Amino acid sequence: MSLRKEVLGLYRKLFRLSYSWESSLGNPGATDEEKRYIRDETRKLFKKNKELSDESLIREHLKEGETRIELAMHYQNPYPRPVHLPQHVLHSKAGKRLKAQQRKLQQSKPIYIKSYEDES
């Protein structure tokens, strides 16, 4: 039951953030667009993950949400930060190295971008 409270609390926190959000650009159009992005992204990801039942997975997604809030507030930018892969990861796509490359790519993905694994 406590996880339910945490999830609903995060949902409310994200919507409150969207209502009070001010763009760092100072442009009212950009502020409205960023507010709309926060609300749409929140709805999309919560609907996508509503069937999760594994407690550890739910906690991981909660941590991702909190991390994204902190990054958005710190950098004054609600959009996910770009992911830069280590240079040594993408050598070739042959044989045994392919599995190792895929594992390294998965490990190098930061927590705030994990929800985008299925999307592309």
PDB file of N, CA and C in Angstrom:
ATOM      1  N   MET A   1       0.818  -1.198   0.000  1.00  0.00           N
ATOM      2  CA  MET A   1       0.000   0.000   0.000  1.00  0.00           C
ATOM      3  C   MET A   1       0.860   1.260   0.000  1.00  0.00           C
ATOM      4  N   SER A   2       2.033   1.202   0.653  1.00  0.00           N
ATOM      5  CA  SER A   2       2.889   2.379   0.692  1.00  0.00           C
ATOM      6  C   SER A   2       3.433   2.730  -0.686  1.00  0.00           C
ATOM      7  N   LEU A   3       3.652   1.709  -1.520  1.00  0.00           N
ATOM      8  CA  LEU A   3       4.115   1.989  -2.886  1.00  0.00           C
ATOM      9  C   LEU A   3       3.059   2.762  -3.665  1.00  0.00           C
ATOM     10  N   ARG A   4       1.813   2.420  -3.456  1.00  0.00           N
ATOM     11  CA  ARG A   4       0.725   3.130  -4.124  1.00  0.00           C
ATOM     12  C   ARG A   4       0.751   4.608  -3.739  1.00  0.00           C
ATOM     13  N   LYS A   5       0.959   4.884  -2.450  1.00  0.00           N
ATOM     14  CA  LYS A   5       1.041   6.270  -1.996  1.00  0.00           C
ATOM     15  C   LYS A   5       2.219   6.990  -2.645  1.00  0.00           C
ATOM     16  N   GLU A   6       3.351   6.296  -2.730  1.00  0.00           N
ATOM     17  CA  GLU A   6       4.538   6.902  -3.338  1.00  0.00           C
ATOM     18  C   GLU A   6       4.298   7.205  -4.818  1.00  0.00           C
ATOM     19  N   VAL A   7       3.677   6.265  -5.524  1.00  0.00           N
ATOM     20  CA  VAL A   7       3.414   6.458  -6.951  1.00  0.00           C
ATOM     21  C   VAL A   7       2.454   7.628  -7.158  1.00  0.00           C
ATOM     22  N   LEU A   8       1.370   7.654  -6.402  1.00  0.00           N
ATOM     23  CA  LEU A   8       0.411   8.756  -6.535  1.00  0.00           C
ATOM     24  C   LEU A   8       1.035  10.084  -6.111  1.00  0.00           C
ATOM     25  N   GLY A   9       1.906  10.046  -5.113  1.00  0.00           N
ATOM     26  CA  GLY A   9       2.602  11.252  -4.693  1.00  0.00           C
ATOM     27  C   GLY A   9       3.514  11.796  -5.788  1.00  0.00           C
ATOM     28  N   LEU A  10       4.216  10.893  -6.457  1.00  0.00           N
ATOM     29  CA  LEU A  10       5.079  11.317  -7.562  1.00  0.00           C
ATOM     30  C   LEU A  10       4.253  11.895  -8.699  1.00  0.00           C
ATOM     31  N   TYR A  11       3.112  11.264  -8.992  1.00  0.00           N
ATOM     32  CA  TYR A  11       2.227  11.752 -10.052  1.00  0.00           C
ATOM     33  C   TYR A  11       1.743  13.176  -9.734  1.00  0.00           C
ATOM     34  N   ARG A  12       1.295  13.379  -8.486  1.00  0.00           N
ATOM     35  CA  ARG A  12       0.843  14.714  -8.082  1.00  0.00           C
ATOM     36  C   ARG A  12       1.994  15.716  -8.116  1.00  0.00           C
ATOM     37  N   LYS A  13       3.168  15.289  -7.684  1.00  0.00           N
ATOM     38  CA  LYS A  13       4.342  16.178  -7.677  1.00  0.00           C
ATOM     39  C   LYS A  13       4.682  16.641  -9.092  1.00  0.00           C
ATOM     40  N   LEU A  14       4.606  15.721 -10.051  1.00  0.00           N
ATOM     41  CA  LEU A  14       4.897  16.069 -11.442  1.00  0.00           C
ATOM     42  C   LEU A  14       3.869  17.052 -11.998  1.00  0.00           C
ATOM     43  N   PHE A  15       2.594  16.835 -11.678  1.00  0.00           N
ATOM     44  CA  PHE A  15       1.578  17.764 -12.166  1.00  0.00           C
ATOM     45  C   PHE A  15       1.699  19.126 -11.503  1.00  0.00           C
ATOM     46  N   ARG A  16       2.016  19.161 -10.208  1.00  0.00           N
ATOM     47  CA  ARG A  16       2.250  20.449  -9.547  1.00  0.00           C
ATOM     48  C   ARG A  16       3.430  21.175 -10.183  1.00  0.00           C
ATOM     49  N   LEU A  17       4.466  20.420 -10.507  1.00  0.00           N
ATOM     50  CA  LEU A  17       5.627  21.011 -11.171  1.00  0.00           C
ATOM     51  C   LEU A  17       5.223  21.593 -12.523  1.00  0.00           C
ATOM     52  N   SER A  18       4.375  20.880 -13.250  1.00  0.00           N
ATOM     53  CA  SER A  18       3.970  21.375 -14.572  1.00  0.00           C
ATOM     54  C   SER A  18       3.174  22.673 -14.460  1.00  0.00           C
ATOM     55  N   TYR A  19       2.381  22.832 -13.409  1.00  0.00           N
ATOM     56  CA  TYR A  19       1.594  24.063 -13.264  1.00  0.00           C
ATOM     57  C   TYR A  19       2.450  25.246 -12.849  1.00  0.00           C
ATOM     58  N   SER A  20       3.500  25.012 -12.102  1.00  0.00           N
ATOM     59  CA  SER A  20       4.340  26.113 -11.627  1.00  0.00           C
ATOM     60  C   SER A  20       5.603  26.299 -12.465  1.00  0.00           C
ATOM     61  N   TRP A  21       5.781  25.524 -13.530  1.00  0.00           N
ATOM     62  CA  TRP A  21       6.997  25.561 -14.331  1.00  0.00           C
ATOM     63  C   TRP A  21       7.167  26.903 -15.038  1.00  0.00           C
ATOM     64  N   GLU A  22       8.369  27.419 -15.007  1.00  0.00           N
ATOM     65  CA  GLU A  22       8.742  28.616 -15.756  1.00  0.00           C
ATOM     66  C   GLU A  22       9.935  28.286 -16.628  1.00  0.00           C
ATOM     67  N   SER A  23       9.828  28.575 -17.902  1.00  0.00           N
ATOM     68  CA  SER A  23      10.913  28.279 -18.827  1.00  0.00           C
ATOM     69  C   SER A  23      12.098  29.194 -18.551  1.00  0.00           C
ATOM     70  N   SER A  24      13.293  28.654 -18.720  1.00  0.00           N
ATOM     71  CA  SER A  24      14.495  29.464 -18.512  1.00  0.00           C
ATOM     72  C   SER A  24      14.718  30.415 -19.678  1.00  0.00           C
ATOM     73  N   LEU A  25      13.984  30.198 -20.767  1.00  0.00           N
ATOM     74  CA  LEU A  25      14.123  31.061 -21.930  1.00  0.00           C
ATOM     75  C   LEU A  25      13.395  32.388 -21.753  1.00  0.00           C
ATOM     76  N   GLY A  26      12.446  32.435 -20.811  1.00  0.00           N
ATOM     77  CA  GLY A  26      11.707  33.668 -20.579  1.00  0.00           C
ATOM     78  C   GLY A  26      10.628  33.909 -21.614  1.00  0.00           C
ATOM     79  N   ASN A  27      10.393  32.957 -22.462  1.00  0.00           N
ATOM     80  CA  ASN A  27       9.403  33.072 -23.527  1.00  0.00           C
ATOM     81  C   ASN A  27       8.108  32.393 -23.068  1.00  0.00           C
ATOM     82  N   PRO A  28       6.974  33.121 -23.044  1.00  0.00           N
ATOM     83  CA  PRO A  28       5.718  32.497 -22.609  1.00  0.00           C
ATOM     84  C   PRO A  28       5.322  31.291 -23.471  1.00  0.00           C
ATOM     85  N   GLY A  29       5.628  31.328 -24.743  1.00  0.00           N
ATOM     86  CA  GLY A  29       5.330  30.197 -25.626  1.00  0.00           C
ATOM     87  C   GLY A  29       6.136  28.963 -25.241  1.00  0.00           C
ATOM     88  N   ALA A  30       7.385  29.173 -24.904  1.00  0.00           N
ATOM     89  CA  ALA A  30       8.241  28.054 -24.486  1.00  0.00           C
ATOM     90  C   ALA A  30       7.785  27.502 -23.144  1.00  0.00           C
ATOM     91  N   THR A  31       7.348  28.376 -22.258  1.00  0.00           N
ATOM     92  CA  THR A  31       6.857  27.924 -20.954  1.00  0.00           C
ATOM     93  C   THR A  31       5.636  27.036 -21.127  1.00  0.00           C
ATOM     94  N   ASP A  32       4.691  27.474 -21.962  1.00  0.00           N
ATOM     95  CA  ASP A  32       3.485  26.674 -22.208  1.00  0.00           C
ATOM     96  C   ASP A  32       3.827  25.331 -22.840  1.00  0.00           C
ATOM     97  N   GLU A  33       4.764  25.333 -23.775  1.00  0.00           N
ATOM     98  CA  GLU A  33       5.175  24.091 -24.434  1.00  0.00           C
ATOM     99  C   GLU A  33       5.830  23.129 -23.443  1.00  0.00           C
ATOM    100  N   GLU A  34       6.686  23.651 -22.583  1.00  0.00           N
ATOM    101  CA  GLU A  34       7.358  22.805 -21.590  1.00  0.00           C
ATOM    102  C   GLU A  34       6.373  22.284 -20.548  1.00  0.00           C
ATOM    103  N   LYS A  35       5.408  23.097 -20.142  1.00  0.00           N
ATOM    104  CA  LYS A  35       4.373  22.635 -19.211  1.00  0.00           C
ATOM    105  C   LYS A  35       3.567  21.495 -19.835  1.00  0.00           C
ATOM    106  N   ARG A  36       3.198  21.676 -21.086  1.00  0.00           N
ATOM    107  CA  ARG A  36       2.441  20.644 -21.798  1.00  0.00           C
ATOM    108  C   ARG A  36       3.272  19.374 -21.938  1.00  0.00           C
ATOM    109  N   TYR A  37       4.570  19.517 -22.207  1.00  0.00           N
ATOM    110  CA  TYR A  37       5.452  18.348 -22.313  1.00  0.00           C
ATOM    111  C   TYR A  37       5.491  17.581 -20.997  1.00  0.00           C
ATOM    112  N   ILE A  38       5.627  18.278 -19.874  1.00  0.00           N
ATOM    113  CA  ILE A  38       5.694  17.617 -18.569  1.00  0.00           C
ATOM    114  C   ILE A  38       4.408  16.827 -18.313  1.00  0.00           C
ATOM    115  N   ARG A  39       3.253  17.443 -18.562  1.00  0.00           N
ATOM    116  CA  ARG A  39       1.977  16.751 -18.333  1.00  0.00           C
ATOM    117  C   ARG A  39       1.812  15.552 -19.264  1.00  0.00           C
ATOM    118  N   ASP A  40       2.113  15.742 -20.552  1.00  0.00           N
ATOM    119  CA  ASP A  40       1.958  14.649 -21.524  1.00  0.00           C
ATOM    120  C   ASP A  40       2.911  13.493 -21.228  1.00  0.00           C
ATOM    121  N   GLU A  41       4.133  13.822 -20.904  1.00  0.00           N
ATOM    122  CA  GLU A  41       5.149  12.801 -20.598  1.00  0.00           C
ATOM    123  C   GLU A  41       4.758  12.034 -19.340  1.00  0.00           C
ATOM    124  N   THR A  42       4.250  12.748 -18.346  1.00  0.00           N
ATOM    125  CA  THR A  42       3.813  12.107 -17.101  1.00  0.00           C
ATOM    126  C   THR A  42       2.687  11.120 -17.385  1.00  0.00           C
ATOM    127  N   ARG A  43       1.673  11.576 -18.103  1.00  0.00           N
ATOM    128  CA  ARG A  43       0.553  10.685 -18.426  1.00  0.00           C
ATOM    129  C   ARG A  43       1.015   9.465 -19.204  1.00  0.00           C
ATOM    130  N   LYS A  44       1.843   9.708 -20.226  1.00  0.00           N
ATOM    131  CA  LYS A  44       2.287   8.614 -21.099  1.00  0.00           C
ATOM    132  C   LYS A  44       3.052   7.553 -20.320  1.00  0.00           C
ATOM    133  N   LEU A  45       4.012   7.968 -19.512  1.00  0.00           N
ATOM    134  CA  LEU A  45       4.843   7.004 -18.790  1.00  0.00           C
ATOM    135  C   LEU A  45       4.084   6.302 -17.667  1.00  0.00           C
ATOM    136  N   PHE A  46       3.182   7.010 -16.994  1.00  0.00           N
ATOM    137  CA  PHE A  46       2.405   6.355 -15.946  1.00  0.00           C
ATOM    138  C   PHE A  46       1.425   5.349 -16.551  1.00  0.00           C
ATOM    139  N   LYS A  47       0.823   5.682 -17.690  1.00  0.00           N
ATOM    140  CA  LYS A  47      -0.074   4.718 -18.348  1.00  0.00           C
ATOM    141  C   LYS A  47       0.711   3.509 -18.844  1.00  0.00           C
ATOM    142  N   LYS A  48       1.890   3.750 -19.362  1.00  0.00           N
ATOM    143  CA  LYS A  48       2.721   2.665 -19.873  1.00  0.00           C
ATOM    144  C   LYS A  48       3.107   1.686 -18.759  1.00  0.00           C
ATOM    145  N   ASN A  49       3.346   2.206 -17.578  1.00  0.00           N
ATOM    146  CA  ASN A  49       3.842   1.385 -16.475  1.00  0.00           C
ATOM    147  C   ASN A  49       2.770   1.008 -15.452  1.00  0.00           C
ATOM    148  N   LYS A  50       1.507   1.231 -15.761  1.00  0.00           N
ATOM    149  CA  LYS A  50       0.460   0.981 -14.764  1.00  0.00           C
ATOM    150  C   LYS A  50       0.267  -0.498 -14.437  1.00  0.00           C
ATOM    151  N   GLU A  51       0.706  -1.390 -15.299  1.00  0.00           N
ATOM    152  CA  GLU A  51       0.532  -2.826 -15.068  1.00  0.00           C
ATOM    153  C   GLU A  51       1.682  -3.462 -14.293  1.00  0.00           C
ATOM    154  N   LEU A  52       2.673  -2.679 -13.913  1.00  0.00           N
ATOM    155  CA  LEU A  52       3.818  -3.225 -13.178  1.00  0.00           C
ATOM    156  C   LEU A  52       3.377  -3.717 -11.803  1.00  0.00           C
ATOM    157  N   SER A  53       3.885  -4.867 -11.415  1.00  0.00           N
ATOM    158  CA  SER A  53       3.542  -5.397 -10.094  1.00  0.00           C
ATOM    159  C   SER A  53       4.781  -5.749  -9.268  1.00  0.00           C
ATOM    160  N   ASP A  54       5.934  -5.819  -9.898  1.00  0.00           N
ATOM    161  CA  ASP A  54       7.175  -6.137  -9.191  1.00  0.00           C
ATOM    162  C   ASP A  54       7.622  -4.915  -8.382  1.00  0.00           C
ATOM    163  N   GLU A  55       7.742  -5.098  -7.078  1.00  0.00           N
ATOM    164  CA  GLU A  55       8.054  -3.985  -6.185  1.00  0.00           C
ATOM    165  C   GLU A  55       9.394  -3.332  -6.503  1.00  0.00           C
ATOM    166  N   SER A  56      10.403  -4.121  -6.814  1.00  0.00           N
ATOM    167  CA  SER A  56      11.723  -3.548  -7.109  1.00  0.00           C
ATOM    168  C   SER A  56      11.693  -2.743  -8.403  1.00  0.00           C
ATOM    169  N   LEU A  57      10.937  -3.202  -9.390  1.00  0.00           N
ATOM    170  CA  LEU A  57      10.811  -2.477 -10.647  1.00  0.00           C
ATOM    171  C   LEU A  57      10.055  -1.162 -10.446  1.00  0.00           C
ATOM    172  N   ILE A  58       9.025  -1.203  -9.620  1.00  0.00           N
ATOM    173  CA  ILE A  58       8.263   0.013  -9.322  1.00  0.00           C
ATOM    174  C   ILE A  58       9.159   1.023  -8.616  1.00  0.00           C
ATOM    175  N   ARG A  59       9.949   0.544  -7.660  1.00  0.00           N
ATOM    176  CA  ARG A  59      10.871   1.448  -6.954  1.00  0.00           C
ATOM    177  C   ARG A  59      11.901   2.052  -7.914  1.00  0.00           C
ATOM    178  N   GLU A  60      12.348   1.267  -8.867  1.00  0.00           N
ATOM    179  CA  GLU A  60      13.299   1.765  -9.865  1.00  0.00           C
ATOM    180  C   GLU A  60      12.672   2.892 -10.694  1.00  0.00           C
ATOM    181  N   HIS A  61      11.430   2.700 -11.084  1.00  0.00           N
ATOM    182  CA  HIS A  61      10.739   3.738 -11.858  1.00  0.00           C
ATOM    183  C   HIS A  61      10.464   4.979 -11.011  1.00  0.00           C
ATOM    184  N   LEU A  62      10.168   4.787  -9.736  1.00  0.00           N
ATOM    185  CA  LEU A  62       9.999   5.936  -8.844  1.00  0.00           C
ATOM    186  C   LEU A  62      11.295   6.733  -8.733  1.00  0.00           C
ATOM    187  N   LYS A  63      12.402   6.016  -8.617  1.00  0.00           N
ATOM    188  CA  LYS A  63      13.707   6.685  -8.539  1.00  0.00           C
ATOM    189  C   LYS A  63      13.997   7.446  -9.837  1.00  0.00           C
ATOM    190  N   GLU A  64      13.624   6.836 -10.961  1.00  0.00           N
ATOM    191  CA  GLU A  64      13.803   7.513 -12.247  1.00  0.00           C
ATOM    192  C   GLU A  64      12.998   8.807 -12.293  1.00  0.00           C
ATOM    193  N   GLY A  65      11.754   8.757 -11.830  1.00  0.00           N
ATOM    194  CA  GLY A  65      10.914   9.955 -11.823  1.00  0.00           C
ATOM    195  C   GLY A  65      11.488  11.053 -10.954  1.00  0.00           C
ATOM    196  N   GLU A  66      11.935  10.686  -9.763  1.00  0.00           N
ATOM    197  CA  GLU A  66      12.537  11.678  -8.864  1.00  0.00           C
ATOM    198  C   GLU A  66      13.807  12.272  -9.467  1.00  0.00           C
ATOM    199  N   THR A  67      14.599  11.433 -10.106  1.00  0.00           N
ATOM    200  CA  THR A  67      15.839  11.904 -10.745  1.00  0.00           C
ATOM    201  C   THR A  67      15.531  12.884 -11.862  1.00  0.00           C
ATOM    202  N   ARG A  68      14.514  12.566 -12.656  1.00  0.00           N
ATOM    203  CA  ARG A  68      14.150  13.477 -13.750  1.00  0.00           C
ATOM    204  C   ARG A  68      13.636  14.805 -13.221  1.00  0.00           C
ATOM    205  N   ILE A  69      12.915  14.788 -12.109  1.00  0.00           N
ATOM    206  CA  ILE A  69      12.447  16.043 -11.511  1.00  0.00           C
ATOM    207  C   ILE A  69      13.644  16.880 -11.060  1.00  0.00           C
ATOM    208  N   GLU A  70      14.578  16.250 -10.362  1.00  0.00           N
ATOM    209  CA  GLU A  70      15.753  16.972  -9.876  1.00  0.00           C
ATOM    210  C   GLU A  70      16.573  17.545 -11.031  1.00  0.00           C
ATOM    211  N   LEU A  71      16.763  16.759 -12.087  1.00  0.00           N
ATOM    212  CA  LEU A  71      17.528  17.250 -13.235  1.00  0.00           C
ATOM    213  C   LEU A  71      16.800  18.405 -13.927  1.00  0.00           C
ATOM    214  N   ALA A  72      15.483  18.280 -14.059  1.00  0.00           N
ATOM    215  CA  ALA A  72      14.709  19.340 -14.707  1.00  0.00           C
ATOM    216  C   ALA A  72      14.806  20.642 -13.916  1.00  0.00           C
ATOM    217  N   MET A  73      14.706  20.543 -12.624  1.00  0.00           N
ATOM    218  CA  MET A  73      14.761  21.748 -11.802  1.00  0.00           C
ATOM    219  C   MET A  73      16.171  22.340 -11.771  1.00  0.00           C
ATOM    220  N   HIS A  74      17.166  21.469 -11.722  1.00  0.00           N
ATOM    221  CA  HIS A  74      18.541  21.965 -11.679  1.00  0.00           C
ATOM    222  C   HIS A  74      18.940  22.657 -12.978  1.00  0.00           C
ATOM    223  N   TYR A  75      18.649  22.014 -14.103  1.00  0.00           N
ATOM    224  CA  TYR A  75      19.063  22.548 -15.398  1.00  0.00           C
ATOM    225  C   TYR A  75      18.007  23.442 -16.041  1.00  0.00           C
ATOM    226  N   GLN A  76      16.861  23.615 -15.376  1.00  0.00           N
ATOM    227  CA  GLN A  76      15.772  24.416 -15.914  1.00  0.00           C
ATOM    228  C   GLN A  76      15.351  23.942 -17.304  1.00  0.00           C
ATOM    229  N   ASN A  77      15.355  22.612 -17.475  1.00  0.00           N
ATOM    230  CA  ASN A  77      15.014  22.007 -18.755  1.00  0.00           C
ATOM    231  C   ASN A  77      14.286  20.688 -18.476  1.00  0.00           C
ATOM    232  N   PRO A  78      13.003  20.568 -18.865  1.00  0.00           N
ATOM    233  CA  PRO A  78      12.250  19.356 -18.534  1.00  0.00           C
ATOM    234  C   PRO A  78      12.554  18.157 -19.432  1.00  0.00           C
ATOM    235  N   TYR A  79      13.252  18.379 -20.513  1.00  0.00           N
ATOM    236  CA  TYR A  79      13.503  17.305 -21.469  1.00  0.00           C
ATOM    237  C   TYR A  79      14.659  16.425 -20.992  1.00  0.00           C
ATOM    238  N   PRO A  80      14.638  15.130 -21.348  1.00  0.00           N
ATOM    239  CA  PRO A  80      15.741  14.245 -20.922  1.00  0.00           C
ATOM    240  C   PRO A  80      17.078  14.724 -21.468  1.00  0.00           C
ATOM    241  N   ARG A  81      18.092  14.575 -20.668  1.00  0.00           N
ATOM    242  CA  ARG A  81      19.429  14.972 -21.090  1.00  0.00           C
ATOM    243  C   ARG A  81      19.959  13.969 -22.096  1.00  0.00           C
ATOM    244  N   PRO A  82      20.785  14.397 -23.035  1.00  0.00           N
ATOM    245  CA  PRO A  82      21.333  13.467 -24.026  1.00  0.00           C
ATOM    246  C   PRO A  82      22.224  12.404 -23.380  1.00  0.00           C
ATOM    247  N   VAL A  83      22.253  11.260 -24.013  1.00  0.00           N
ATOM    248  CA  VAL A  83      23.069  10.150 -23.526  1.00  0.00           C
ATOM    249  C   VAL A  83      24.280  10.029 -24.425  1.00  0.00           C
ATOM    250  N   HIS A  84      25.462  10.077 -23.837  1.00  0.00           N
ATOM    251  CA  HIS A  84      26.695   9.917 -24.585  1.00  0.00           C
ATOM    252  C   HIS A  84      27.312   8.583 -24.204  1.00  0.00           C
ATOM    253  N   LEU A  85      27.556   7.763 -25.196  1.00  0.00           N
ATOM    254  CA  LEU A  85      28.105   6.432 -24.940  1.00  0.00           C
ATOM    255  C   LEU A  85      29.625   6.469 -24.899  1.00  0.00           C
ATOM    256  N   PRO A  86      30.220   5.596 -24.122  1.00  0.00           N
ATOM    257  CA  PRO A  86      31.672   5.507 -24.118  1.00  0.00           C
ATOM    258  C   PRO A  86      32.191   5.140 -25.516  1.00  0.00           C
ATOM    259  N   GLN A  87      33.335   5.655 -25.886  1.00  0.00           N
ATOM    260  CA  GLN A  87      33.860   5.446 -27.235  1.00  0.00           C
ATOM    261  C   GLN A  87      34.197   3.992 -27.519  1.00  0.00           C
ATOM    262  N   HIS A  88      34.629   3.250 -26.535  1.00  0.00           N
ATOM    263  CA  HIS A  88      35.078   1.876 -26.766  1.00  0.00           C
ATOM    264  C   HIS A  88      33.926   0.886 -26.919  1.00  0.00           C
ATOM    265  N   VAL A  89      32.689   1.315 -26.796  1.00  0.00           N
ATOM    266  CA  VAL A  89      31.550   0.394 -26.827  1.00  0.00           C
ATOM    267  C   VAL A  89      31.238  -0.100 -28.236  1.00  0.00           C
ATOM    268  N   LEU A  90      31.300   0.755 -29.211  1.00  0.00           N
ATOM    269  CA  LEU A  90      30.847   0.396 -30.553  1.00  0.00           C
ATOM    270  C   LEU A  90      32.010   0.081 -31.492  1.00  0.00           C
ATOM    271  N   HIS A  91      32.602  -1.090 -31.348  1.00  0.00           N
ATOM    272  CA  HIS A  91      33.682  -1.491 -32.246  1.00  0.00           C
ATOM    273  C   HIS A  91      33.124  -2.148 -33.502  1.00  0.00           C
ATOM    274  N   SER A  92      32.711  -3.369 -33.368  1.00  0.00           N
ATOM    275  CA  SER A  92      32.156  -4.098 -34.511  1.00  0.00           C
ATOM    276  C   SER A  92      30.940  -4.869 -34.047  1.00  0.00           C
ATOM    277  N   LYS A  93      30.183  -5.398 -34.968  1.00  0.00           N
ATOM    278  CA  LYS A  93      28.979  -6.142 -34.622  1.00  0.00           C
ATOM    279  C   LYS A  93      29.119  -7.587 -35.061  1.00  0.00           C
ATOM    280  N   ALA A  94      30.121  -8.266 -34.546  1.00  0.00           N
ATOM    281  CA  ALA A  94      30.349  -9.652 -34.962  1.00  0.00           C
ATOM    282  C   ALA A  94      30.595 -10.535 -33.752  1.00  0.00           C
ATOM    283  N   GLY A  95      29.975 -11.700 -33.743  1.00  0.00           N
ATOM    284  CA  GLY A  95      30.270 -12.765 -32.785  1.00  0.00           C
ATOM    285  C   GLY A  95      30.086 -12.417 -31.333  1.00  0.00           C
ATOM    286  N   LYS A  96      31.078 -12.767 -30.524  1.00  0.00           N
ATOM    287  CA  LYS A  96      31.018 -12.619 -29.084  1.00  0.00           C
ATOM    288  C   LYS A  96      30.957 -11.155 -28.666  1.00  0.00           C
ATOM    289  N   ARG A  97      31.507 -10.303 -29.449  1.00  0.00           N
ATOM    290  CA  ARG A  97      31.533  -8.892 -29.080  1.00  0.00           C
ATOM    291  C   ARG A  97      30.146  -8.255 -29.098  1.00  0.00           C
ATOM    292  N   LEU A  98      29.233  -8.806 -29.886  1.00  0.00           N
ATOM    293  CA  LEU A  98      27.906  -8.229 -29.986  1.00  0.00           C
ATOM    294  C   LEU A  98      27.189  -8.267 -28.632  1.00  0.00           C
ATOM    295  N   LYS A  99      27.237  -9.391 -27.942  1.00  0.00           N
ATOM    296  CA  LYS A  99      26.603  -9.484 -26.624  1.00  0.00           C
ATOM    297  C   LYS A  99      27.267  -8.539 -25.631  1.00  0.00           C
ATOM    298  N   ALA A 100      28.573  -8.460 -25.673  1.00  0.00           N
ATOM    299  CA  ALA A 100      29.299  -7.570 -24.774  1.00  0.00           C
ATOM    300  C   ALA A 100      28.940  -6.111 -25.064  1.00  0.00           C
ATOM    301  N   GLN A 101      28.812  -5.764 -26.337  1.00  0.00           N
ATOM    302  CA  GLN A 101      28.425  -4.398 -26.710  1.00  0.00           C
ATOM    303  C   GLN A 101      27.029  -4.070 -26.205  1.00  0.00           C
ATOM    304  N   GLN A 102      26.106  -5.007 -26.391  1.00  0.00           N
ATOM    305  CA  GLN A 102      24.738  -4.778 -25.936  1.00  0.00           C
ATOM    306  C   GLN A 102      24.691  -4.616 -24.414  1.00  0.00           C
ATOM    307  N   ARG A 103      25.462  -5.402 -23.696  1.00  0.00           N
ATOM    308  CA  ARG A 103      25.515  -5.301 -22.245  1.00  0.00           C
ATOM    309  C   ARG A 103      26.092  -3.946 -21.827  1.00  0.00           C
ATOM    310  N   LYS A 104      27.155  -3.508 -22.480  1.00  0.00           N
ATOM    311  CA  LYS A 104      27.763  -2.220 -22.147  1.00  0.00           C
ATOM    312  C   LYS A 104      26.823  -1.062 -22.469  1.00  0.00           C
ATOM    313  N   LEU A 105      26.100  -1.171 -23.574  1.00  0.00           N
ATOM    314  CA  LEU A 105      25.124  -0.138 -23.915  1.00  0.00           C
ATOM    315  C   LEU A 105      24.048  -0.050 -22.841  1.00  0.00           C
ATOM    316  N   GLN A 106      23.572  -1.192 -22.385  1.00  0.00           N
ATOM    317  CA  GLN A 106      22.542  -1.231 -21.341  1.00  0.00           C
ATOM    318  C   GLN A 106      23.068  -0.654 -20.032  1.00  0.00           C
ATOM    319  N   GLN A 107      24.298  -0.977 -19.682  1.00  0.00           N
ATOM    320  CA  GLN A 107      24.883  -0.493 -18.435  1.00  0.00           C
ATOM    321  C   GLN A 107      25.178   1.008 -18.489  1.00  0.00           C
ATOM    322  N   SER A 108      25.454   1.526 -19.670  1.00  0.00           N
ATOM    323  CA  SER A 108      25.810   2.937 -19.778  1.00  0.00           C
ATOM    324  C   SER A 108      24.593   3.843 -19.833  1.00  0.00           C
ATOM    325  N   LYS A 109      23.397   3.270 -19.925  1.00  0.00           N
ATOM    326  CA  LYS A 109      22.184   4.073 -19.991  1.00  0.00           C
ATOM    327  C   LYS A 109      21.875   4.620 -18.593  1.00  0.00           C
ATOM    328  N   PRO A 110      21.786   5.948 -18.454  1.00  0.00           N
ATOM    329  CA  PRO A 110      21.524   6.524 -17.134  1.00  0.00           C
ATOM    330  C   PRO A 110      20.100   6.225 -16.658  1.00  0.00           C
ATOM    331  N   ILE A 111      19.887   6.338 -15.370  1.00  0.00           N
ATOM    332  CA  ILE A 111      18.601   5.967 -14.768  1.00  0.00           C
ATOM    333  C   ILE A 111      17.453   6.827 -15.287  1.00  0.00           C
ATOM    334  N   TYR A 112      17.709   8.081 -15.608  1.00  0.00           N
ATOM    335  CA  TYR A 112      16.619   8.962 -15.999  1.00  0.00           C
ATOM    336  C   TYR A 112      16.120   8.712 -17.416  1.00  0.00           C
ATOM    337  N   ILE A 113      16.682   7.774 -18.126  1.00  0.00           N
ATOM    338  CA  ILE A 113      16.279   7.501 -19.494  1.00  0.00           C
ATOM    339  C   ILE A 113      15.807   6.055 -19.674  1.00  0.00           C
ATOM    340  N   LYS A 114      15.731   5.286 -18.609  1.00  0.00           N
ATOM    341  CA  LYS A 114      15.373   3.865 -18.705  1.00  0.00           C
ATOM    342  C   LYS A 114      13.981   3.640 -19.273  1.00  0.00           C
ATOM    343  N   SER A 115      13.058   4.545 -19.099  1.00  0.00           N
ATOM    344  CA  SER A 115      11.689   4.367 -19.594  1.00  0.00           C
ATOM    345  C   SER A 115      11.606   4.396 -21.111  1.00  0.00           C
ATOM    346  N   TYR A 116      12.666   4.791 -21.755  1.00  0.00           N
ATOM    347  CA  TYR A 116      12.653   4.882 -23.207  1.00  0.00           C
ATOM    348  C   TYR A 116      13.217   3.630 -23.879  1.00  0.00           C
ATOM    349  N   GLU A 117      13.418   2.552 -23.145  1.00  0.00           N
ATOM    350  CA  GLU A 117      13.975   1.327 -23.718  1.00  0.00           C
ATOM    351  C   GLU A 117      13.080   0.756 -24.823  1.00  0.00           C
ATOM    352  N   ASP A 118      11.777   0.750 -24.591  1.00  0.00           N
ATOM    353  CA  ASP A 118      10.848   0.161 -25.541  1.00  0.00           C
ATOM    354  C   ASP A 118      10.523   1.084 -26.701  1.00  0.00           C
ATOM    355  N   GLU A 119      10.757   2.363 -26.521  1.00  0.00           N
ATOM    356  CA  GLU A 119      10.408   3.331 -27.551  1.00  0.00           C
ATOM    357  C   GLU A 119      11.616   3.658 -28.418  1.00  0.00           C
ATOM    358  N   SER A 120      11.338   3.938 -29.665  1.00  0.00           N
ATOM    359  CA  SER A 120      12.390   4.439 -30.558  1.00  0.00           C
ATOM    360  C   SER A 120      11.789   4.834 -31.861  1.00  0.00           C
TER     361      SER A 120
END
